[in-house]
Amino acid sequence: MIELTRLNGLPVVVNADLIKFIEATPDTLISLTTGEKLMVREPVHLVAQRVVQYRHEIVHPPESER
C-alpha cells in the first residue's frame, strides 16, 4: 500500500498491486485493474518511486519486521 494525496488535499492509501498504469494529464491519473481511476497531486515519477519502494520492502522487510 502506498500513501498519496487526492487533488482536494486529503490522503488516500492505494493498493500498489492494483495499479495498471499512471499518466500525467497534466494531473497524475492512476488507472487501477478494477477500472477505477484516481487523480492525485504527486507527479508520475514519485508515484512510480513509491511503488518500487513498496515492492522492495515486501521482498526485503526491515530487520524490525522479520
Protein backbone atom coordinates (compact mmCIF):
# COMPACT_ATOMS: atom_id res chain seq x y z
CA MET A 1 0.00 0.00 0.00
CA ILE A 2 1.25 3.48 -0.83
CA GLU A 3 0.04 6.79 0.57
CA LEU A 4 -0.80 9.56 -1.89
CA THR A 5 -2.74 12.84 -1.84
CA ARG A 6 -6.04 13.44 -3.63
CA LEU A 7 -6.43 16.72 -5.51
CA ASN A 8 -8.55 18.07 -2.62
CA GLY A 9 -5.61 17.58 -0.23
CA LEU A 10 -6.93 14.51 1.57
CA PRO A 11 -4.65 11.48 1.93
CA VAL A 12 -5.53 8.21 0.23
CA VAL A 13 -3.85 4.82 0.56
CA VAL A 14 -3.71 2.82 -2.67
CA ASN A 15 -3.05 -0.88 -3.15
CA ALA A 16 0.05 -0.69 -5.36
CA ASP A 17 -0.66 -4.16 -6.75
CA LEU A 18 -3.84 -2.85 -8.40
CA ILE A 19 -2.13 -0.07 -10.38
CA LYS A 20 -2.41 -0.77 -14.11
CA PHE A 21 -0.76 2.44 -15.35
CA ILE A 22 -0.04 6.04 -14.38
CA GLU A 23 -0.46 9.07 -16.67
CA ALA A 24 0.32 12.78 -16.49
CA THR A 25 -2.77 14.52 -17.93
CA PRO A 26 -1.36 17.14 -16.60
CA ASP A 27 -2.54 15.95 -13.17
CA THR A 28 -1.44 12.45 -12.27
CA LEU A 29 -4.12 9.92 -13.21
CA ILE A 30 -3.80 6.39 -11.81
CA SER A 31 -5.80 3.65 -13.54
CA LEU A 32 -6.42 0.54 -11.48
CA THR A 33 -7.01 -3.01 -12.69
CA THR A 34 -10.54 -2.69 -11.26
CA GLY A 35 -11.34 0.04 -13.82
CA GLU A 36 -11.36 2.77 -11.16
CA LYS A 37 -9.39 5.96 -11.84
CA LEU A 38 -7.82 8.20 -9.23
CA MET A 39 -6.28 11.66 -9.61
CA VAL A 40 -3.50 12.58 -7.19
CA ARG A 41 -1.21 15.55 -6.52
CA GLU A 42 2.07 13.61 -6.65
CA PRO A 43 3.88 13.58 -10.01
CA VAL A 44 4.11 10.34 -12.00
CA HIS A 45 7.76 9.73 -11.12
CA LEU A 46 7.04 9.99 -7.38
CA VAL A 47 4.12 7.54 -7.57
CA ALA A 48 6.32 5.10 -9.50
CA GLN A 49 9.10 5.56 -6.95
CA ARG A 50 6.72 4.75 -4.09
CA VAL A 51 5.52 1.60 -5.87
CA VAL A 52 9.12 0.43 -6.36
CA GLN A 53 9.94 1.20 -2.71
CA TYR A 54 6.81 -0.67 -1.53
CA ARG A 55 7.73 -3.75 -3.57
CA HIS A 56 11.33 -3.60 -2.36
CA GLU A 57 10.12 -3.57 1.26
CA ILE A 58 7.95 -6.64 0.58
CA VAL A 59 10.96 -8.61 -0.67
CA HIS A 60 13.42 -7.11 1.86
CA PRO A 61 11.47 -6.16 5.02
CA PRO A 62 13.20 -4.03 7.65
CA GLU A 63 15.01 -6.01 10.36
CA SER A 64 12.38 -5.00 12.93
CA GLU A 65 9.64 -6.76 10.90
CA ARG A 66 11.43 -10.07 10.35
